[in-house]
């Protein structure tokens, strides 16, 4: 986190510092909106930054993202290495669009080389909002705390109907075995509803994942290419 974010989370500050922080957050949102306005309907891929290109998870993310890009979606990621790089690379290799919303960190997170467009964001909560805002489906690959944070945030927004019921696909059932069991336990203990089990698809099949997106995003929401014209007086540019 940036020094200003660390200070902000320490508790109440004086009103002038709180106001300046709020303005900085607002400007980060504006920067994100301006950069990503013309990217088109996206599918966001979440996953660890730590896997190298010879890892099976990297190759799976590359494959599934390529197939989704062929449907006409822009592949969006956190913009960094590992699974994020694999997803952006998969889109580029099939001629699809590839964008990233990169977090500014002292290590692990520099934007990868397979992005048509990217934006660097200072605050995690701003970045998470942008990764969700432009997407009609979410792919959750193996990852760590950050991946689970992004997954459960999207899931909570859909469960509470703050977000349309876009498909969420969790890839690799063996890796996510304990999470699957815990979600089943939550259903048994009635902390979630039985119908909440339908909000996610757990799969090991690229074909099943792609078809799930085709049916539950493209067909269900009638997605079509959106042609937005940049406004010269806002100094806008296409993706």
Foldseek 3Di string as FASTA:
>chain_A
DDPLVVVVVVDDDPPVSVVVVVVVLVVLLVQLCQQCVFQWAAEEEDAALPDDCVDPLLQVLLQLLLLLQVVVHEYEYQQAHDSLQSNLNSQVVNPGAYEHEHEDDPDSTDGDDRHPTYDYGDDPVSSLCSSLVRYQEYEQTYHDPVSVVSVVVNLVCCLVVVDPLREYEYEDCVSCVVVVVVVVVCCVVVVDDPVSVVSYHYDHDSVVVSVCNCVRGCVVVVDDTDDDDDDVVVVGDHD
